[in-house]
C-alpha atoms as a PDB file:
ATOM      1  CA  MET A   1     247.650 -25.200  42.956  1.00  0.00           C
ATOM      2  CA  PRO A   2     251.406 -25.682  43.595  1.00  0.00           C
ATOM      3  CA  GLN A   3     252.877 -24.948  46.837  1.00  0.00           C
ATOM      4  CA  ARG A   4     255.199 -21.854  47.054  1.00  0.00           C
ATOM      5  CA  HIS A   5     258.565 -22.232  47.154  1.00  0.00           C
ATOM      6  CA  SER A   6     260.640 -21.529  50.419  1.00  0.00           C
ATOM      7  CA  LYS A   7     262.785 -18.859  48.736  1.00  0.00           C
ATOM      8  CA  ASN A   8     259.618 -16.733  47.957  1.00  0.00           C
ATOM      9  CA  ASN A   9     257.761 -17.465  51.163  1.00  0.00           C
ATOM     10  CA  ASN A  10     258.140 -14.312  53.319  1.00  0.00           C
ATOM     11  CA  ASP A  11     254.989 -14.696  55.355  1.00  0.00           C
ATOM     12  CA  LEU A  12     256.666 -16.843  57.817  1.00  0.00           C
ATOM     13  CA  ALA A  13     257.360 -15.885  61.223  1.00  0.00           C
ATOM     14  CA  ILE A  14     261.207 -17.266  61.090  1.00  0.00           C
ATOM     15  CA  PHE A  15     263.524 -16.800  58.787  1.00  0.00           C
ATOM     16  CA  THR A  16     264.103 -19.254  55.921  1.00  0.00           C
ATOM     17  CA  TYR A  17     267.479 -20.607  54.802  1.00  0.00           C
ATOM     18  CA  ASP A  18     267.332 -18.461  51.820  1.00  0.00           C
ATOM     19  CA  GLU A  19     266.848 -15.347  53.683  1.00  0.00           C
ATOM     20  CA  LYS A  20     269.822 -16.202  56.407  1.00  0.00           C
ATOM     21  CA  ARG A  21     271.989 -16.294  53.409  1.00  0.00           C
ATOM     22  CA  LYS A  22     270.859 -13.013  51.749  1.00  0.00           C
ATOM     23  CA  LEU A  23     271.452 -11.279  55.385  1.00  0.00           C
ATOM     24  CA  GLY A  24     274.890 -12.742  55.459  1.00  0.00           C
ATOM     25  CA  TYR A  25     274.017 -15.346  58.711  1.00  0.00           C
ATOM     26  CA  GLY A  26     276.453 -17.606  59.686  1.00  0.00           C
ATOM     27  CA  THR A  27     280.091 -18.189  58.473  1.00  0.00           C
ATOM     28  CA  GLN A  28     280.958 -16.915  55.356  1.00  0.00           C
ATOM     29  CA  LYS A  29     284.289 -18.069  53.488  1.00  0.00           C
ATOM     30  CA  GLU A  30     286.024 -16.835  50.720  1.00  0.00           C
ATOM     31  CA  ARG A  31     289.065 -17.873  49.105  1.00  0.00           C
ATOM     32  CA  LEU A  32     291.798 -15.059  48.474  1.00  0.00           C
ATOM     33  CA  GLY A  33     292.577 -14.159  44.880  1.00  0.00           C
ATOM     34  CA  LYS A  34     295.957 -12.791  43.355  1.00  0.00           C
ATOM     35  CA  ASP A  35     295.168  -9.221  44.153  1.00  0.00           C
ATOM     36  CA  SER A  36     295.128  -9.686  47.979  1.00  0.00           C
ATOM     37  CA  ILE A  37     298.428 -11.493  48.195  1.00  0.00           C
ATOM     38  CA  LYS A  38     301.667  -9.917  48.245  1.00  0.00           C
ATOM     39  CA  PRO A  39     304.306 -10.905  45.674  1.00  0.00           C
ATOM     40  CA  PHE A  40     307.139 -12.938  46.810  1.00  0.00           C
ATOM     41  CA  ASP A  41     309.728 -10.381  45.879  1.00  0.00           C
ATOM     42  CA  ALA A  42     308.012  -7.202  47.237  1.00  0.00           C
ATOM     43  CA  CYS A  43     308.646  -5.654  50.619  1.00  0.00           C
ATOM     44  CA  CYS A  44     306.851  -6.589  53.906  1.00  0.00           C
ATOM     45  CA  LEU A  45     306.723  -3.123  54.837  1.00  0.00           C
ATOM     46  CA  CYS A  46     306.396  -1.014  51.695  1.00  0.00           C
ATOM     47  CA  LEU A  47     304.531  -3.823  49.669  1.00  0.00           C
ATOM     48  CA  LYS A  48     306.671  -2.498  46.727  1.00  0.00           C
ATOM     49  CA  LEU A  49     309.129  -4.458  44.677  1.00  0.00           C
ATOM     50  CA  VAL A  50     312.209  -4.766  47.057  1.00  0.00           C
ATOM     51  CA  ILE A  51     315.322  -2.426  46.463  1.00  0.00           C
ATOM     52  CA  ASP A  52     318.483  -3.921  47.823  1.00  0.00           C
ATOM     53  CA  PRO A  53     316.776  -6.688  49.477  1.00  0.00           C
ATOM     54  CA  LEU A  54     317.421  -8.103  53.184  1.00  0.00           C
ATOM     55  CA  CYS A  55     316.040 -11.031  54.777  1.00  0.00           C
ATOM     56  CA  CYS A  56     315.697 -12.285  58.422  1.00  0.00           C
ATOM     57  CA  GLN A  57     316.158 -15.501  59.661  1.00  0.00           C
ATOM     58  CA  ARG A  58     312.175 -16.447  59.295  1.00  0.00           C
ATOM     59  CA  GLY A  59     312.413 -15.850  55.825  1.00  0.00           C
ATOM     60  CA  HIS A  60     310.865 -12.278  55.548  1.00  0.00           C
ATOM     61  CA  ILE A  61     312.017  -9.822  52.788  1.00  0.00           C
ATOM     62  CA  PHE A  62     312.559  -6.182  53.391  1.00  0.00           C
ATOM     63  CA  CYS A  63     313.809  -3.197  51.308  1.00  0.00           C
ATOM     64  CA  LYS A  64     317.269  -2.124  52.918  1.00  0.00           C
ATOM     65  CA  GLU A  65     315.901   1.408  53.650  1.00  0.00           C
ATOM     66  CA  CYS A  66     312.367   0.526  54.896  1.00  0.00           C
ATOM     67  CA  ILE A  67     313.971  -2.204  57.394  1.00  0.00           C
ATOM     68  CA  LEU A  68     316.653   0.316  58.977  1.00  0.00           C
ATOM     69  CA  GLU A  69     314.089   3.062  59.352  1.00  0.00           C
ATOM     70  CA  CYS A  70     311.902   0.639  61.068  1.00  0.00           C
ATOM     71  CA  LEU A  71     314.478  -0.689  63.447  1.00  0.00           C
ATOM     72  CA  LEU A  72     315.816   3.088  64.123  1.00  0.00           C
ATOM     73  CA  ALA A  73     312.345   4.216  64.949  1.00  0.00           C
ATOM     74  CA  GLN A  74     311.936   0.934  67.302  1.00  0.00           C
ATOM     75  CA  LYS A  75     315.112   1.793  69.109  1.00  0.00           C
ATOM     76  CA  LYS A  76     314.227   5.529  69.757  1.00  0.00           C
ATOM     77  CA  ASP A  77     310.924   4.523  71.191  1.00  0.00           C
ATOM     78  CA  ILE A  78     312.683   2.025  73.312  1.00  0.00           C
ATOM     79  CA  GLN A  79     314.896   4.962  74.789  1.00  0.00           C
ATOM     80  CA  ARG A  80     311.864   7.247  74.977  1.00  0.00           C
ATOM     81  CA  GLN A  81     310.134   4.325  77.137  1.00  0.00           C
ATOM     82  CA  LEU A  82     313.369   3.799  79.214  1.00  0.00           C
ATOM     83  CA  ALA A  83     313.458   7.624  79.901  1.00  0.00           C
ATOM     84  CA  ALA A  84     310.108   7.578  81.096  1.00  0.00           C
ATOM     85  CA  HIS A  85     310.513   4.681  83.089  1.00  0.00           C
ATOM     86  CA  ALA A  86     313.374   5.930  84.788  1.00  0.00           C
ATOM     87  CA  ALA A  87     311.571   9.189  85.536  1.00  0.00           C
ATOM     88  CA  GLN A  88     308.814   7.277  87.002  1.00  0.00           C
ATOM     89  CA  GLN A  89     311.380   5.052  89.300  1.00  0.00           C
ATOM     90  CA  LYS A  90     312.856   8.467  90.337  1.00  0.00           C
ATOM     91  CA  GLN A  91     309.460  10.233  91.285  1.00  0.00           C
ATOM     92  CA  GLU A  92     308.367   6.819  93.198  1.00  0.00           C
ATOM     93  CA  LYS A  93     311.799   6.767  95.067  1.00  0.00           C
ATOM     94  CA  GLY A  94     311.213  10.522  96.191  1.00  0.00           C
ATOM     95  CA  GLU A  95     307.377   9.589  97.140  1.00  0.00           C
ATOM     96  CA  GLU A  96     308.722   6.834  99.423  1.00  0.00           C
ATOM     97  CA  GLU A  97     311.414   9.020 101.110  1.00  0.00           C
ATOM     98  CA  GLU A  98     308.654  11.439 101.921  1.00  0.00           C
ATOM     99  CA  ARG A  99     306.320   9.081 102.916  1.00  0.00           C
ATOM    100  CA  LEU A 100     308.877   7.397 105.155  1.00  0.00           C
ATOM    101  CA  MET A 101     309.931  10.752 106.521  1.00  0.00           C
ATOM    102  CA  MET A 102     306.443  11.496 107.514  1.00  0.00           C
ATOM    103  CA  GLN A 103     305.618   8.541 109.156  1.00  0.00           C
ATOM    104  CA  LYS A 104     308.724   9.439 111.291  1.00  0.00           C
ATOM    105  CA  GLU A 105     307.620  12.496 112.246  1.00  0.00           C
ATOM    106  CA  ARG A 106     304.165  11.122 113.064  1.00  0.00           C
ATOM    107  CA  GLU A 107     305.883   8.948 115.583  1.00  0.00           C
ATOM    108  CA  LEU A 108     307.831  11.775 117.241  1.00  0.00           C
ATOM    109  CA  ASP A 109     304.528  13.477 117.357  1.00  0.00           C
ATOM    110  CA  GLU A 110     302.801  10.846 119.078  1.00  0.00           C
ATOM    111  CA  PHE A 111     305.825  10.332 121.773  1.00  0.00           C
ATOM    112  CA  ASN A 112     305.723  14.074 122.540  1.00  0.00           C
ATOM    113  CA  GLN A 113     301.891  14.087 123.090  1.00  0.00           C
ATOM    114  CA  GLN A 114     301.997  10.963 125.305  1.00  0.00           C
ATOM    115  CA  ASN A 115     304.865  12.098 127.372  1.00  0.00           C
ATOM    116  CA  HIS A 116     304.443  15.941 127.459  1.00  0.00           C
ATOM    117  CA  SER A 117     300.725  16.548 127.042  1.00  0.00           C
ATOM    118  CA  ALA A 118     301.527  19.097 124.243  1.00  0.00           C
ATOM    119  CA  MET A 119     303.138  19.119 120.588  1.00  0.00           C
ATOM    120  CA  PRO A 120     305.924  21.136 119.649  1.00  0.00           C
ATOM    121  CA  ARG A 121     306.107  23.283 116.568  1.00  0.00           C
ATOM    122  CA  TYR A 122     307.419  21.669 113.825  1.00  0.00           C
ATOM    123  CA  ASN A 123     308.036  23.197 110.047  1.00  0.00           C
ATOM    124  CA  ASP A 124     306.505  20.318 108.376  1.00  0.00           C
ATOM    125  CA  LYS A 125     303.780  21.890 105.673  1.00  0.00           C
ATOM    126  CA  ASN A 126     301.468  18.965 106.417  1.00  0.00           C
ATOM    127  CA  TYR A 127     300.673  20.307 109.972  1.00  0.00           C
ATOM    128  CA  ALA A 128     298.535  23.370 110.635  1.00  0.00           C
ATOM    129  CA  HIS A 129     299.652  25.328 114.013  1.00  0.00           C
ATOM    130  CA  GLY A 130     297.334  26.986 116.432  1.00  0.00           C
ATOM    131  CA  LYS A 131     297.900  30.818 117.736  1.00  0.00           C
ATOM    132  CA  ASN A 132     299.995  29.711 120.595  1.00  0.00           C
ATOM    133  CA  ASP A 133     302.032  27.137 118.650  1.00  0.00           C
ATOM    134  CA  PHE A 134     300.760  24.350 120.943  1.00  0.00           C
ATOM    135  CA  HIS A 135     297.721  22.388 121.736  1.00  0.00           C
ATOM    136  CA  GLY A 136     296.363  19.839 124.063  1.00  0.00           C
ATOM    137  CA  ALA A 137     296.168  16.426 122.936  1.00  0.00           C
ATOM    138  CA  ASN A 138     292.307  16.531 123.154  1.00  0.00           C
ATOM    139  CA  SER A 139     291.889  19.343 120.866  1.00  0.00           C
ATOM    140  CA  VAL A 140     290.901  19.145 117.312  1.00  0.00           C
ATOM    141  CA  LYS A 141     293.253  20.070 114.479  1.00  0.00           C
ATOM    142  CA  VAL A 142     293.163  20.284 110.828  1.00  0.00           C
ATOM    143  CA  THR A 143     296.161  19.852 108.955  1.00  0.00           C
ATOM    144  CA  SER A 144     297.328  21.715 105.535  1.00  0.00           C
ATOM    145  CA  TYR A 145     297.033  18.600 103.841  1.00  0.00           C
ATOM    146  CA  GLU A 146     293.436  18.078 104.643  1.00  0.00           C
ATOM    147  CA  GLU A 147     292.924  21.712 103.696  1.00  0.00           C
ATOM    148  CA  GLU A 148     294.538  21.181 100.428  1.00  0.00           C
ATOM    149  CA  ALA A 149     292.564  18.356  99.896  1.00  0.00           C
ATOM    150  CA  LEU A 150     289.465  20.197 100.384  1.00  0.00           C
ATOM    151  CA  LYS A 151     290.224  22.599  97.935  1.00  0.00           C
ATOM    152  CA  THR A 152     291.473  20.093  95.310  1.00  0.00           C
ATOM    153  CA  MET A 153     288.437  17.437  96.213  1.00  0.00           C
ATOM    154  CA  LYS A 154     287.221  15.944  92.836  1.00  0.00           C
ATOM    155  CA  ALA A 155     283.642  15.566  92.278  1.00  0.00           C
ATOM    156  CA  PHE A 156     282.916  12.311  90.538  1.00  0.00           C
ATOM    157  CA  TRP A 157     279.761  13.267  89.227  1.00  0.00           C
ATOM    158  CA  LEU A 158     281.267  16.191  87.032  1.00  0.00           C
ATOM    159  CA  PRO A 159     283.735  14.832  83.993  1.00  0.00           C
ATOM    160  CA  SER A 160     286.075  17.730  84.324  1.00  0.00           C
ATOM    161  CA  ALA A 161     286.331  16.958  87.893  1.00  0.00           C
ATOM    162  CA  THR A 162     286.778  13.206  88.022  1.00  0.00           C
ATOM    163  CA  PRO A 163     290.170  11.819  89.471  1.00  0.00           C
ATOM    164  CA  GLU A 164     292.181   9.916  87.003  1.00  0.00           C
ATOM    165  CA  ALA A 165     294.379   7.267  88.012  1.00  0.00           C
ATOM    166  CA  ALA A 166     298.155   7.317  87.728  1.00  0.00           C
ATOM    167  CA  VAL A 167     299.768   5.642  84.365  1.00  0.00           C
ATOM    168  CA  LYS A 168     302.219   3.358  85.184  1.00  0.00           C
ATOM    169  CA  VAL A 169     304.921   2.912  83.056  1.00  0.00           C
ATOM    170  CA  GLU A 170     306.111  -0.560  82.592  1.00  0.00           C
ATOM    171  CA  ALA A 171     309.835  -1.415  82.014  1.00  0.00           C
ATOM    172  CA  PRO A 172     310.075  -1.968  78.273  1.00  0.00           C
ATOM    173  CA  SER A 173     311.930  -4.584  76.427  1.00  0.00           C
ATOM    174  CA  THR A 174     315.254  -3.267  75.096  1.00  0.00           C
ATOM    175  CA  SER A 175     315.033  -5.597  71.992  1.00  0.00           C
ATOM    176  CA  THR A 176     313.848  -4.663  68.461  1.00  0.00           C
ATOM    177  CA  ILE A 177     311.464  -6.962  66.677  1.00  0.00           C
ATOM    178  CA  CYS A 178     310.443  -8.032  63.399  1.00  0.00           C
ATOM    179  CA  PRO A 179     307.567  -6.175  62.039  1.00  0.00           C
ATOM    180  CA  GLU A 180     306.406  -9.298  59.979  1.00  0.00           C
ATOM    181  CA  GLY A 181     307.073 -12.260  62.362  1.00  0.00           C
ATOM    182  CA  LYS A 182     306.895 -10.298  65.680  1.00  0.00           C
ATOM    183  CA  GLU A 183     310.381 -12.025  66.902  1.00  0.00           C
ATOM    184  CA  LYS A 184     313.364 -10.762  68.079  1.00  0.00           C
ATOM    185  CA  LEU A 185     315.528  -8.926  65.584  1.00  0.00           C
ATOM    186  CA  LYS A 186     318.937  -7.724  64.955  1.00  0.00           C
ATOM    187  CA  LEU A 187     320.490  -5.667  62.286  1.00  0.00           C
ATOM    188  CA  LYS A 188     323.410  -8.256  62.094  1.00  0.00           C
ATOM    189  CA  SER A 189     320.992 -11.014  61.697  1.00  0.00           C
ATOM    190  CA  LEU A 190     319.615  -9.605  58.358  1.00  0.00           C
ATOM    191  CA  PHE A 191     321.561 -10.962  55.108  1.00  0.00           C
ATOM    192  CA  PRO A 192     321.105  -9.614  51.506  1.00  0.00           C
ATOM    193  CA  ILE A 193     319.656 -11.868  48.806  1.00  0.00           C
ATOM    194  CA  HIS A 194     319.817 -11.899  45.026  1.00  0.00           C
ATOM    195  CA  PHE A 195     317.477 -13.309  42.658  1.00  0.00           C
ATOM    196  CA  THR A 196     318.472 -14.565  39.314  1.00  0.00           C
ATOM    197  CA  GLU A 197     316.450 -12.693  36.557  1.00  0.00           C
ATOM    198  CA  GLU A 198     315.784 -14.350  33.501  1.00  0.00           C
ATOM    199  CA  SER A 199     317.535 -12.814  30.359  1.00  0.00           C
ATOM    200  CA  ASN A 200     315.746 -11.661  27.622  1.00  0.00           C
ATOM    201  CA  PHE A 201     318.249 -11.688  25.061  1.00  0.00           C
ATOM    202  CA  GLY A 202     318.819  -7.971  24.735  1.00  0.00           C
ATOM    203  CA  ARG A 203     315.383  -7.123  25.171  1.00  0.00           C
ATOM    204  CA  LYS A 204     314.903  -4.117  27.853  1.00  0.00           C
ATOM    205  CA  SER A 205     312.565  -4.974  30.593  1.00  0.00           C
ATOM    206  CA  SER A 206     311.380  -2.674  33.222  1.00  0.00           C
ATOM    207  CA  ALA A 207     311.534  -3.657  36.525  1.00  0.00           C
ATOM    208  CA  LEU A 208     308.026  -4.301  37.194  1.00  0.00           C
ATOM    209  CA  ASP A 209     308.283  -6.920  34.038  1.00  0.00           C
ATOM    210  CA  ARG A 210     311.179  -8.595  35.297  1.00  0.00           C
ATOM    211  CA  ALA A 211     310.779 -12.392  35.661  1.00  0.00           C
ATOM    212  CA  CYS A 212     313.056 -14.183  38.483  1.00  0.00           C
ATOM    213  CA  ILE A 213     314.013 -17.757  37.805  1.00  0.00           C
ATOM    214  CA  CYS A 214     315.316 -20.560  40.088  1.00  0.00           C
ATOM    215  CA  PRO A 215     319.104 -20.754  38.832  1.00  0.00           C
ATOM    216  CA  SER A 216     319.121 -24.759  38.894  1.00  0.00           C
ATOM    217  CA  CYS A 217     315.838 -25.614  36.960  1.00  0.00           C
ATOM    218  CA  LYS A 218     315.484 -22.380  35.098  1.00  0.00           C
ATOM    219  CA  ALA A 219     311.506 -22.242  36.328  1.00  0.00           C
ATOM    220  CA  THR A 220     309.915 -18.910  36.600  1.00  0.00           C
ATOM    221  CA  LEU A 221     309.434 -18.172  40.544  1.00  0.00           C
ATOM    222  CA  THR A 222     305.686 -17.409  41.494  1.00  0.00           C
ATOM    223  CA  ASN A 223     304.003 -17.312  44.762  1.00  0.00           C
ATOM    224  CA  ALA A 224     302.691 -20.804  43.952  1.00  0.00           C
ATOM    225  CA  MET A 225     306.130 -22.262  44.792  1.00  0.00           C
ATOM    226  CA  ALA A 226     308.027 -23.029  47.884  1.00  0.00           C
ATOM    227  CA  LEU A 227     311.344 -20.720  47.791  1.00  0.00           C
ATOM    228  CA  VAL A 228     314.583 -21.434  49.799  1.00  0.00           C
ATOM    229  CA  VAL A 229     317.240 -18.776  50.196  1.00  0.00           C
ATOM    230  CA  VAL A 230     321.041 -19.714  51.165  1.00  0.00           C
ATOM    231  CA  SER A 231     321.732 -17.403  53.996  1.00  0.00           C
ATOM    232  CA  SER A 232     325.590 -17.630  53.470  1.00  0.00           C
ATOM    233  CA  CYS A 233     325.553 -16.083  49.951  1.00  0.00           C
ATOM    234  CA  GLY A 234     321.740 -15.065  49.398  1.00  0.00           C
ATOM    235  CA  HIS A 235     320.823 -16.883  46.131  1.00  0.00           C
ATOM    236  CA  VAL A 236     317.105 -18.044  45.805  1.00  0.00           C
ATOM    237  CA  PHE A 237     316.238 -21.523  44.720  1.00  0.00           C
ATOM    238  CA  CYS A 238     313.012 -23.368  44.440  1.00  0.00           C
ATOM    239  CA  LYS A 239     312.437 -25.816  47.279  1.00  0.00           C
ATOM    240  CA  LYS A 240     312.715 -29.062  45.102  1.00  0.00           C
ATOM    241  CA  CYS A 241     316.274 -28.096  43.845  1.00  0.00           C
ATOM    242  CA  ALA A 242     317.158 -27.089  47.357  1.00  0.00           C
ATOM    243  CA  GLU A 243     316.430 -30.334  48.868  1.00  0.00           C
ATOM    244  CA  LYS A 244     318.027 -32.146  45.847  1.00  0.00           C
ATOM    245  CA  PHE A 245     321.265 -30.378  45.570  1.00  0.00           C
ATOM    246  CA  LEU A 246     321.971 -27.940  48.291  1.00  0.00           C
ATOM    247  CA  ALA A 247     320.832 -30.128  51.111  1.00  0.00           C
ATOM    248  CA  ILE A 248     323.293 -33.113  49.691  1.00  0.00           C
ATOM    249  CA  ASP A 249     326.087 -31.273  48.179  1.00  0.00           C
ATOM    250  CA  LYS A 250     326.549 -28.670  50.723  1.00  0.00           C
ATOM    251  CA  VAL A 251     327.454 -25.978  48.053  1.00  0.00           C
ATOM    252  CA  CYS A 252     325.574 -23.233  46.285  1.00  0.00           C
ATOM    253  CA  LEU A 253     325.227 -23.941  42.748  1.00  0.00           C
ATOM    254  CA  VAL A 254     325.798 -20.382  41.550  1.00  0.00           C
ATOM    255  CA  CYS A 255     328.811 -19.561  43.563  1.00  0.00           C
ATOM    256  CA  ASN A 256     330.158 -22.586  44.774  1.00  0.00           C
ATOM    257  CA  LYS A 257     330.245 -21.165  48.409  1.00  0.00           C
ATOM    258  CA  PRO A 258     329.964 -23.889  51.106  1.00  0.00           C
ATOM    259  CA  CYS A 259     326.647 -24.185  52.668  1.00  0.00           C
ATOM    260  CA  LYS A 260     325.299 -26.147  55.708  1.00  0.00           C
ATOM    261  CA  GLU A 261     321.415 -27.327  56.211  1.00  0.00           C
ATOM    262  CA  ARG A 262     320.876 -24.641  58.742  1.00  0.00           C
ATOM    263  CA  ASN A 263     321.791 -21.749  56.324  1.00  0.00           C
ATOM    264  CA  LEU A 264     318.839 -22.914  54.178  1.00  0.00           C
ATOM    265  CA  VAL A 265     316.058 -20.342  54.995  1.00  0.00           C
ATOM    266  CA  SER A 266     312.400 -21.005  53.788  1.00  0.00           C
ATOM    267  CA  LEU A 267     311.066 -17.673  52.373  1.00  0.00           C
ATOM    268  CA  GLU A 268     307.519 -16.604  53.420  1.00  0.00           C
ATOM    269  CA  LYS A 269     305.213 -16.741  50.675  1.00  0.00           C
ATOM    270  CA  GLY A 270     303.320 -13.112  50.003  1.00  0.00           C
ATOM    271  CA  GLY A 271     300.815 -12.179  52.427  1.00  0.00           C
ATOM    272  CA  THR A 272     300.442  -8.866  54.371  1.00  0.00           C
ATOM    273  CA  GLY A 273     299.021  -7.849  57.732  1.00  0.00           C
ATOM    274  CA  PHE A 274     295.558  -7.267  55.795  1.00  0.00           C
ATOM    275  CA  ALA A 275     295.504 -10.920  54.093  1.00  0.00           C
ATOM    276  CA  GLY A 276     296.445 -14.552  54.872  1.00  0.00           C
ATOM    277  CA  HIS A 277     299.450 -16.577  53.463  1.00  0.00           C
ATOM    278  CA  ASP A 278     301.149 -19.705  53.016  1.00  0.00           C
ATOM    279  CA  ASP A 279     298.370 -22.317  53.623  1.00  0.00           C
ATOM    280  CA  HIS A 280     295.698 -19.907  55.003  1.00  0.00           C
ATOM    281  CA  LEU A 281     294.311 -18.326  51.821  1.00  0.00           C
ATOM    282  CA  GLU A 282     290.735 -18.480  53.018  1.00  0.00           C
ATOM    283  CA  ALA A 283     289.146 -15.264  54.731  1.00  0.00           C
ATOM    284  CA  THR A 284     286.386 -16.269  57.098  1.00  0.00           C
ATOM    285  CA  SER A 285     283.957 -14.177  58.860  1.00  0.00           C
ATOM    286  CA  PHE A 286     280.901 -14.881  61.146  1.00  0.00           C
ATOM    287  CA  LYS A 287     277.504 -12.568  60.842  1.00  0.00           C
ATOM    288  CA  HIS A 288     274.799 -13.063  63.412  1.00  0.00           C
ATOM    289  CA  LEU A 289     271.648 -11.086  63.349  1.00  0.00           C
ATOM    290  CA  GLY A 290     270.929  -8.193  65.301  1.00  0.00           C
ATOM    291  CA  SER A 291     268.255  -7.762  67.588  1.00  0.00           C
ATOM    292  CA  GLY A 292     265.152  -6.200  65.818  1.00  0.00           C
ATOM    293  CA  SER A 293     267.341  -4.471  63.397  1.00  0.00           C
ATOM    294  CA  GLY A 294     267.267  -7.333  60.195  1.00  0.00           C
ATOM    295  CA  LEU A 295     271.175  -6.466  59.937  1.00  0.00           C
ATOM    296  CA  GLY A 296     274.051  -8.699  60.429  1.00  0.00           C
ATOM    297  CA  MET A 297     276.721  -7.741  62.695  1.00  0.00           C
ATOM    298  CA  VAL A 298     280.092  -8.751  61.835  1.00  0.00           C
ATOM    299  CA  ARG A 299     282.416 -10.522  64.184  1.00  0.00           C
ATOM    300  CA  PRO A 300     285.442 -12.952  63.640  1.00  0.00           C
ATOM    301  CA  ALA A 301     284.590 -16.339  63.241  1.00  0.00           C
ATOM    302  CA  ALA A 302     285.227 -18.990  66.109  1.00  0.00           C
ATOM    303  CA  LYS A 303     288.104 -21.292  65.883  1.00  0.00           C
ATOM    304  CA  THR A 304     287.447 -24.932  65.745  1.00  0.00           C
END
């Protein structure tokens, strides 16, 4: 009688290789498809076809309205954080002055106790006074600070009465950042770009059906091609034409405007915050079996 195959052998005390694969155990890899990648002419913020496109020095494309709203929101948030930080600094300065004043008064009290064997009356709210406004050096006193602490005592065993640590506001950075590349970004560093659309000989085409071409070789631009934009004029070329003509002739092939090598900016290929881009088009996850559950628990794969 033939032996049972390992895929059908389910009476073992351990998991077989096929059972681990069905449970998702180990590192799972999957190459991202076209639907997971942003088109090269789409905005990095709204993920729609760009309108009045602007590009940063790192090659990220945004709609003009989207990036202006993003930078304005960042500036408002920076102003809010600066105001909160200034208020905290003012409060800390006031607390430090009050602490120094209380320390000076305590030093005066100790001096009076050592020299006069009695302490005169003060108007400090942190000290309680007796009926005769004087007490001896050996008498027991309860300050108003201790009385207030007893009233506002926090019970750690009650969630509603658990003390909370003060939230310290750090000094924020005053620079706006690119929402895609996370580097410092200023509005004046953005430059407009212009795609060369393919002429359809009088046939009207919608914005979704438009095809962009390289002005030099007339090849249709896709996510599979490396693209270069000239920051001085904004025209987009494929990387082969840019290295073959623009880098050597130092002039744009469309508008004849002079350009230098530093003006050639490589456009970032399609990709969003939810998918890889450029050469990282493979999604990877690692699953390990839960203890006693028989289910796979997902966690990021360890980098090698």
